[in-house]
Amino acid sequence: MWNKNKKEIVFTTLLTFIPLIIGLLLWNRLPEMIPVHFGIDGQPDNYYPKLKAVWLLGLFLPLLHILCIFGTMSDPKRNNISKKVFNLVLWITPIVGALMSVMTYGSALGLKVDVVAITSLLIGIVFIILGNYLPKCRQNYTVGIKIPWTLNDKDNWDKTHRFAGYVYIIAGIIMICSMFFKGKILIITYFINIFIASLLPVVYSYILYRKNLTDK
């Protein structure tokens, strides 16, 4: 896996350092306290000193990226992980990191950054991308819906991931639409949407498992 994806691994790893580079370039313009967390209303509700915020964000992303790559490449069934799915693993952290840096540094510099809209849009896009990739996933221990019924039965895995693909795409569309919501409605939409999207594939997989037992 390393030999086939060496250039992509190195390139995406370098991209995860962009937030750190941006933070250092903006160092003299950044305030001493930088927002690192935002409430449901999009307003900052937690701050870190500039030194801690820039370096924490800047070094956490490369570390997370490397851990994701290492975990995927160490999977006993890594040969079942397709090129497209592995590319998703490679690009998710750099993209999320770039948007995080926009929200963090933009807010710190006093720019009008709609954190709620960006977050909703980001989560929605991730769900839609996952929805398109899940049906392509073959059995593995890193990427996908890893529960006993899918891991022990290839047919269950395939059917569950095809079903989950539709569920995730619908959930993604709802998340994108929620960027126009505010307050309690937004919280309720987030919770219900993510809960249902996580639960439905598991329930579907269990139903397939029980049906298989009955047929036998």
C-alpha atoms as a PDB file:
ATOM      1  CA  MET A   1       0.000   0.000   0.000  1.00  0.00           C
ATOM      2  CA  TRP A   2       2.893   2.360   0.767  1.00  0.00           C
ATOM      3  CA  ASN A   3       4.619   1.744  -2.567  1.00  0.00           C
ATOM      4  CA  LYS A   4       1.407   2.342  -4.550  1.00  0.00           C
ATOM      5  CA  ASN A   5       0.466   5.540  -2.699  1.00  0.00           C
ATOM      6  CA  LYS A   6       3.806   6.995  -1.595  1.00  0.00           C
ATOM      7  CA  LYS A   7       3.470  10.300  -3.484  1.00  0.00           C
ATOM      8  CA  GLU A   8      -0.115  10.874  -2.304  1.00  0.00           C
ATOM      9  CA  ILE A   9       0.810  10.061   1.300  1.00  0.00           C
ATOM     10  CA  VAL A  10       3.741  12.485   1.317  1.00  0.00           C
ATOM     11  CA  PHE A  11       1.765  15.223  -0.475  1.00  0.00           C
ATOM     12  CA  THR A  12      -1.316  15.052   1.761  1.00  0.00           C
ATOM     13  CA  THR A  13       0.883  14.909   4.866  1.00  0.00           C
ATOM     14  CA  LEU A  14       2.605  18.116   3.788  1.00  0.00           C
ATOM     15  CA  LEU A  15      -0.819  19.722   3.248  1.00  0.00           C
ATOM     16  CA  THR A  16      -1.736  19.096   6.892  1.00  0.00           C
ATOM     17  CA  PHE A  17       1.024  21.554   7.877  1.00  0.00           C
ATOM     18  CA  ILE A  18      -0.680  24.416   6.001  1.00  0.00           C
ATOM     19  CA  PRO A  19      -2.689  25.586   9.072  1.00  0.00           C
ATOM     20  CA  LEU A  20       0.576  25.812  11.030  1.00  0.00           C
ATOM     21  CA  ILE A  21       2.268  27.747   8.225  1.00  0.00           C
ATOM     22  CA  ILE A  22      -0.702  30.115   7.949  1.00  0.00           C
ATOM     23  CA  GLY A  23      -0.688  30.648  11.709  1.00  0.00           C
ATOM     24  CA  LEU A  24       3.019  31.504  11.682  1.00  0.00           C
ATOM     25  CA  LEU A  25       2.628  33.851   8.709  1.00  0.00           C
ATOM     26  CA  LEU A  26      -0.227  35.646  10.474  1.00  0.00           C
ATOM     27  CA  TRP A  27       1.530  35.574  13.846  1.00  0.00           C
ATOM     28  CA  ASN A  28       2.051  39.320  14.225  1.00  0.00           C
ATOM     29  CA  ARG A  29      -1.559  40.064  13.218  1.00  0.00           C
ATOM     30  CA  LEU A  30      -3.183  37.476  15.478  1.00  0.00           C
ATOM     31  CA  PRO A  31      -4.494  38.527  18.917  1.00  0.00           C
ATOM     32  CA  GLU A  32      -3.001  37.041  22.062  1.00  0.00           C
ATOM     33  CA  MET A  33      -6.137  34.909  22.643  1.00  0.00           C
ATOM     34  CA  ILE A  34      -7.532  32.880  19.754  1.00  0.00           C
ATOM     35  CA  PRO A  35     -10.988  31.213  19.589  1.00  0.00           C
ATOM     36  CA  VAL A  36     -10.710  27.405  19.431  1.00  0.00           C
ATOM     37  CA  HIS A  37     -14.332  26.416  20.036  1.00  0.00           C
ATOM     38  CA  PHE A  38     -17.641  27.842  18.899  1.00  0.00           C
ATOM     39  CA  GLY A  39     -21.117  27.506  20.369  1.00  0.00           C
ATOM     40  CA  ILE A  40     -24.239  26.458  18.521  1.00  0.00           C
ATOM     41  CA  ASP A  41     -24.862  30.157  17.788  1.00  0.00           C
ATOM     42  CA  GLY A  42     -21.535  30.352  15.966  1.00  0.00           C
ATOM     43  CA  GLN A  43     -19.944  32.577  18.615  1.00  0.00           C
ATOM     44  CA  PRO A  44     -16.575  31.710  20.212  1.00  0.00           C
ATOM     45  CA  ASP A  45     -16.966  30.230  23.696  1.00  0.00           C
ATOM     46  CA  ASN A  46     -13.428  29.048  24.417  1.00  0.00           C
ATOM     47  CA  TYR A  47     -10.040  30.648  23.778  1.00  0.00           C
ATOM     48  CA  TYR A  48      -6.397  29.518  23.860  1.00  0.00           C
ATOM     49  CA  PRO A  49      -3.255  31.671  24.039  1.00  0.00           C
ATOM     50  CA  LYS A  50      -1.867  32.321  20.563  1.00  0.00           C
ATOM     51  CA  LEU A  51       1.193  30.120  21.052  1.00  0.00           C
ATOM     52  CA  LYS A  52      -0.868  27.144  22.192  1.00  0.00           C
ATOM     53  CA  ALA A  53      -3.609  27.590  19.583  1.00  0.00           C
ATOM     54  CA  VAL A  54      -1.319  27.870  16.552  1.00  0.00           C
ATOM     55  CA  TRP A  55       0.975  25.006  17.481  1.00  0.00           C
ATOM     56  CA  LEU A  56      -1.756  22.740  18.852  1.00  0.00           C
ATOM     57  CA  LEU A  57      -3.826  22.979  15.671  1.00  0.00           C
ATOM     58  CA  GLY A  58      -0.713  22.906  13.507  1.00  0.00           C
ATOM     59  CA  LEU A  59       0.764  19.727  14.981  1.00  0.00           C
ATOM     60  CA  PHE A  60      -2.451  17.877  15.853  1.00  0.00           C
ATOM     61  CA  LEU A  61      -3.544  17.620  12.209  1.00  0.00           C
ATOM     62  CA  PRO A  62      -0.338  15.963  10.887  1.00  0.00           C
ATOM     63  CA  LEU A  63      -0.370  13.580  13.851  1.00  0.00           C
ATOM     64  CA  LEU A  64      -4.012  12.657  13.243  1.00  0.00           C
ATOM     65  CA  HIS A  65      -3.326  12.212   9.539  1.00  0.00           C
ATOM     66  CA  ILE A  66      -0.373   9.900  10.160  1.00  0.00           C
ATOM     67  CA  LEU A  67      -2.379   7.845  12.665  1.00  0.00           C
ATOM     68  CA  CYS A  68      -5.209   7.414  10.133  1.00  0.00           C
ATOM     69  CA  ILE A  69      -2.745   6.312   7.447  1.00  0.00           C
ATOM     70  CA  PHE A  70      -0.910   3.960   9.794  1.00  0.00           C
ATOM     71  CA  GLY A  71      -4.163   2.436  11.035  1.00  0.00           C
ATOM     72  CA  THR A  72      -5.395   1.852   7.487  1.00  0.00           C
ATOM     73  CA  MET A  73      -2.118   0.377   6.280  1.00  0.00           C
ATOM     74  CA  SER A  74      -1.959  -1.919   9.326  1.00  0.00           C
ATOM     75  CA  ASP A  75      -5.413  -3.362   8.668  1.00  0.00           C
ATOM     76  CA  PRO A  76      -5.215  -7.199   8.311  1.00  0.00           C
ATOM     77  CA  LYS A  77      -7.611  -6.843   5.358  1.00  0.00           C
ATOM     78  CA  ARG A  78      -5.923  -3.788   3.849  1.00  0.00           C
ATOM     79  CA  ASN A  79      -5.913  -5.442   0.415  1.00  0.00           C
ATOM     80  CA  ASN A  80      -9.705  -5.064   0.446  1.00  0.00           C
ATOM     81  CA  ILE A  81      -9.398  -1.291   0.823  1.00  0.00           C
ATOM     82  CA  SER A  82      -9.749   0.168  -2.664  1.00  0.00           C
ATOM     83  CA  LYS A  83      -7.674   3.021  -4.060  1.00  0.00           C
ATOM     84  CA  LYS A  84     -10.690   5.365  -3.943  1.00  0.00           C
ATOM     85  CA  VAL A  85     -11.448   4.576  -0.308  1.00  0.00           C
ATOM     86  CA  PHE A  86      -7.799   5.028   0.690  1.00  0.00           C
ATOM     87  CA  ASN A  87      -7.753   8.367  -1.125  1.00  0.00           C
ATOM     88  CA  LEU A  88     -10.688   9.413   1.049  1.00  0.00           C
ATOM     89  CA  VAL A  89      -8.615   8.574   4.135  1.00  0.00           C
ATOM     90  CA  LEU A  90      -5.722  10.613   2.728  1.00  0.00           C
ATOM     91  CA  TRP A  91      -7.713  13.742   1.928  1.00  0.00           C
ATOM     92  CA  ILE A  92     -10.199  14.027   4.775  1.00  0.00           C
ATOM     93  CA  THR A  93      -7.772  15.501   7.344  1.00  0.00           C
ATOM     94  CA  PRO A  94      -6.132  18.088   5.029  1.00  0.00           C
ATOM     95  CA  ILE A  95      -9.529  19.375   3.860  1.00  0.00           C
ATOM     96  CA  VAL A  96     -11.059  19.506   7.344  1.00  0.00           C
ATOM     97  CA  GLY A  97      -7.872  21.116   8.645  1.00  0.00           C
ATOM     98  CA  ALA A  98      -8.004  23.828   5.998  1.00  0.00           C
ATOM     99  CA  LEU A  99     -11.599  24.712   6.909  1.00  0.00           C
ATOM    100  CA  MET A 100     -10.762  24.657  10.634  1.00  0.00           C
ATOM    101  CA  SER A 101      -7.932  27.116  10.061  1.00  0.00           C
ATOM    102  CA  VAL A 102     -10.265  29.405   8.074  1.00  0.00           C
ATOM    103  CA  MET A 103     -12.778  29.461  10.934  1.00  0.00           C
ATOM    104  CA  THR A 104     -10.163  29.817  13.680  1.00  0.00           C
ATOM    105  CA  TYR A 105      -7.868  32.424  12.149  1.00  0.00           C
ATOM    106  CA  GLY A 106     -10.689  34.254  10.372  1.00  0.00           C
ATOM    107  CA  SER A 107     -12.585  34.713  13.625  1.00  0.00           C
ATOM    108  CA  ALA A 108      -9.395  35.708  15.444  1.00  0.00           C
ATOM    109  CA  LEU A 109      -8.778  38.451  12.866  1.00  0.00           C
ATOM    110  CA  GLY A 110     -12.307  39.795  13.253  1.00  0.00           C
ATOM    111  CA  LEU A 111     -13.656  38.543   9.931  1.00  0.00           C
ATOM    112  CA  LYS A 112     -17.330  37.606   9.695  1.00  0.00           C
ATOM    113  CA  VAL A 113     -17.090  33.832   9.526  1.00  0.00           C
ATOM    114  CA  ASP A 114     -20.368  31.919   9.595  1.00  0.00           C
ATOM    115  CA  VAL A 115     -19.114  28.984  11.640  1.00  0.00           C
ATOM    116  CA  VAL A 116     -22.525  27.276  11.798  1.00  0.00           C
ATOM    117  CA  ALA A 117     -22.958  27.390   8.019  1.00  0.00           C
ATOM    118  CA  ILE A 118     -19.397  26.175   7.326  1.00  0.00           C
ATOM    119  CA  THR A 119     -19.701  23.364   9.867  1.00  0.00           C
ATOM    120  CA  SER A 120     -23.080  22.224   8.546  1.00  0.00           C
ATOM    121  CA  LEU A 121     -21.833  22.365   4.973  1.00  0.00           C
ATOM    122  CA  LEU A 122     -18.648  20.464   5.861  1.00  0.00           C
ATOM    123  CA  ILE A 123     -20.451  17.703   7.768  1.00  0.00           C
ATOM    124  CA  GLY A 124     -23.042  17.428   5.012  1.00  0.00           C
ATOM    125  CA  ILE A 125     -20.405  17.086   2.290  1.00  0.00           C
ATOM    126  CA  VAL A 126     -18.531  14.470   4.350  1.00  0.00           C
ATOM    127  CA  PHE A 127     -21.740  12.451   4.763  1.00  0.00           C
ATOM    128  CA  ILE A 128     -22.464  12.630   1.027  1.00  0.00           C
ATOM    129  CA  ILE A 129     -18.915  11.595   0.139  1.00  0.00           C
ATOM    130  CA  LEU A 130     -19.094   8.707   2.597  1.00  0.00           C
ATOM    131  CA  GLY A 131     -22.458   7.736   1.153  1.00  0.00           C
ATOM    132  CA  ASN A 132     -20.890   7.448  -2.285  1.00  0.00           C
ATOM    133  CA  TYR A 133     -17.864   5.523  -1.056  1.00  0.00           C
ATOM    134  CA  LEU A 134     -19.466   3.095   1.399  1.00  0.00           C
ATOM    135  CA  PRO A 135     -20.993   0.801  -1.273  1.00  0.00           C
ATOM    136  CA  LYS A 136     -17.490   0.443  -2.741  1.00  0.00           C
ATOM    137  CA  CYS A 137     -15.975  -0.719   0.566  1.00  0.00           C
ATOM    138  CA  ARG A 138     -15.055  -4.359   0.866  1.00  0.00           C
ATOM    139  CA  GLN A 139     -14.669  -6.048   4.242  1.00  0.00           C
ATOM    140  CA  ASN A 140     -11.936  -4.497   6.381  1.00  0.00           C
ATOM    141  CA  TYR A 141     -11.376  -3.426   9.982  1.00  0.00           C
ATOM    142  CA  THR A 142     -10.685   0.278   9.366  1.00  0.00           C
ATOM    143  CA  VAL A 143     -13.177   1.896   6.978  1.00  0.00           C
ATOM    144  CA  GLY A 144     -16.891   1.125   7.049  1.00  0.00           C
ATOM    145  CA  ILE A 145     -19.587  -0.167   9.380  1.00  0.00           C
ATOM    146  CA  LYS A 146     -17.569  -2.567  11.499  1.00  0.00           C
ATOM    147  CA  ILE A 147     -19.993  -4.624  13.566  1.00  0.00           C
ATOM    148  CA  PRO A 148     -20.027  -8.416  14.137  1.00  0.00           C
ATOM    149  CA  TRP A 149     -22.744  -9.110  11.562  1.00  0.00           C
ATOM    150  CA  THR A 150     -20.943  -7.306   8.739  1.00  0.00           C
ATOM    151  CA  LEU A 151     -17.449  -8.533   9.610  1.00  0.00           C
ATOM    152  CA  ASN A 152     -18.558 -12.174   9.785  1.00  0.00           C
ATOM    153  CA  ASP A 153     -20.658 -12.207   6.624  1.00  0.00           C
ATOM    154  CA  LYS A 154     -19.560 -10.724   3.288  1.00  0.00           C
ATOM    155  CA  ASP A 155     -23.125 -10.615   1.948  1.00  0.00           C
ATOM    156  CA  ASN A 156     -24.270  -8.761   5.072  1.00  0.00           C
ATOM    157  CA  TRP A 157     -21.373  -6.334   4.696  1.00  0.00           C
ATOM    158  CA  ASP A 158     -22.154  -5.583   1.057  1.00  0.00           C
ATOM    159  CA  LYS A 159     -25.911  -5.114   1.540  1.00  0.00           C
ATOM    160  CA  THR A 160     -25.477  -3.042   4.695  1.00  0.00           C
ATOM    161  CA  HIS A 161     -23.000  -0.696   3.027  1.00  0.00           C
ATOM    162  CA  ARG A 162     -25.200  -0.243  -0.029  1.00  0.00           C
ATOM    163  CA  PHE A 163     -28.092   0.654   2.280  1.00  0.00           C
ATOM    164  CA  ALA A 164     -25.866   2.919   4.393  1.00  0.00           C
ATOM    165  CA  GLY A 165     -24.786   4.738   1.246  1.00  0.00           C
ATOM    166  CA  TYR A 166     -28.332   5.946   0.619  1.00  0.00           C
ATOM    167  CA  VAL A 167     -28.836   6.806   4.297  1.00  0.00           C
ATOM    168  CA  TYR A 168     -25.639   8.860   4.470  1.00  0.00           C
ATOM    169  CA  ILE A 169     -26.410  10.789   1.291  1.00  0.00           C
ATOM    170  CA  ILE A 170     -29.859  11.741   2.622  1.00  0.00           C
ATOM    171  CA  ALA A 171     -28.308  12.671   5.975  1.00  0.00           C
ATOM    172  CA  GLY A 172     -25.740  14.805   4.169  1.00  0.00           C
ATOM    173  CA  ILE A 173     -28.400  16.703   2.268  1.00  0.00           C
ATOM    174  CA  ILE A 174     -30.285  17.345   5.526  1.00  0.00           C
ATOM    175  CA  MET A 175     -27.074  18.581   7.177  1.00  0.00           C
ATOM    176  CA  ILE A 176     -26.423  21.013   4.339  1.00  0.00           C
ATOM    177  CA  CYS A 177     -30.000  22.300   4.585  1.00  0.00           C
ATOM    178  CA  SER A 178     -29.526  22.769   8.348  1.00  0.00           C
ATOM    179  CA  MET A 179     -26.989  25.537   7.665  1.00  0.00           C
ATOM    180  CA  PHE A 180     -30.015  27.822   7.448  1.00  0.00           C
ATOM    181  CA  PHE A 181     -31.334  26.790  10.885  1.00  0.00           C
ATOM    182  CA  LYS A 182     -30.574  28.476  14.190  1.00  0.00           C
ATOM    183  CA  GLY A 183     -30.721  27.699  17.917  1.00  0.00           C
ATOM    184  CA  LYS A 184     -32.632  24.711  19.252  1.00  0.00           C
ATOM    185  CA  ILE A 185     -33.916  23.669  15.826  1.00  0.00           C
ATOM    186  CA  LEU A 186     -30.306  23.328  14.659  1.00  0.00           C
ATOM    187  CA  ILE A 187     -29.317  21.263  17.724  1.00  0.00           C
ATOM    188  CA  ILE A 188     -32.320  18.951  17.343  1.00  0.00           C
ATOM    189  CA  THR A 189     -31.637  18.520  13.613  1.00  0.00           C
ATOM    190  CA  TYR A 190     -27.971  17.690  14.241  1.00  0.00           C
ATOM    191  CA  PHE A 191     -28.744  15.169  16.961  1.00  0.00           C
ATOM    192  CA  ILE A 192     -31.625  13.380  15.250  1.00  0.00           C
ATOM    193  CA  ASN A 193     -29.939  13.306  11.851  1.00  0.00           C
ATOM    194  CA  ILE A 194     -26.619  11.898  13.047  1.00  0.00           C
ATOM    195  CA  PHE A 195     -28.312   9.480  15.461  1.00  0.00           C
ATOM    196  CA  ILE A 196     -30.615   8.048  12.783  1.00  0.00           C
ATOM    197  CA  ALA A 197     -27.845   7.881  10.173  1.00  0.00           C
ATOM    198  CA  SER A 198     -25.678   5.930  12.641  1.00  0.00           C
ATOM    199  CA  LEU A 199     -28.475   3.654  13.871  1.00  0.00           C
ATOM    200  CA  LEU A 200     -30.292   2.652  10.671  1.00  0.00           C
ATOM    201  CA  PRO A 201     -27.406   0.710   9.039  1.00  0.00           C
ATOM    202  CA  VAL A 202     -26.816  -1.209  12.289  1.00  0.00           C
ATOM    203  CA  VAL A 203     -30.502  -2.121  12.571  1.00  0.00           C
ATOM    204  CA  TYR A 204     -30.588  -3.101   8.893  1.00  0.00           C
ATOM    205  CA  SER A 205     -27.515  -5.294   9.334  1.00  0.00           C
ATOM    206  CA  TYR A 206     -29.085  -7.023  12.335  1.00  0.00           C
ATOM    207  CA  ILE A 207     -32.307  -7.650  10.391  1.00  0.00           C
ATOM    208  CA  LEU A 208     -30.257  -9.277   7.620  1.00  0.00           C
ATOM    209  CA  TYR A 209     -28.439 -11.367  10.222  1.00  0.00           C
ATOM    210  CA  ARG A 210     -31.684 -12.578  11.803  1.00  0.00           C
ATOM    211  CA  LYS A 211     -33.205 -13.297   8.390  1.00  0.00           C
ATOM    212  CA  ASN A 212     -30.171 -15.345   7.441  1.00  0.00           C
ATOM    213  CA  LEU A 213     -30.521 -17.412  10.622  1.00  0.00           C
ATOM    214  CA  THR A 214     -34.214 -17.999   9.902  1.00  0.00           C
ATOM    215  CA  ASP A 215     -33.533 -19.065   6.309  1.00  0.00           C
ATOM    216  CA  LYS A 216     -31.050 -21.625   7.541  1.00  0.00           C
END
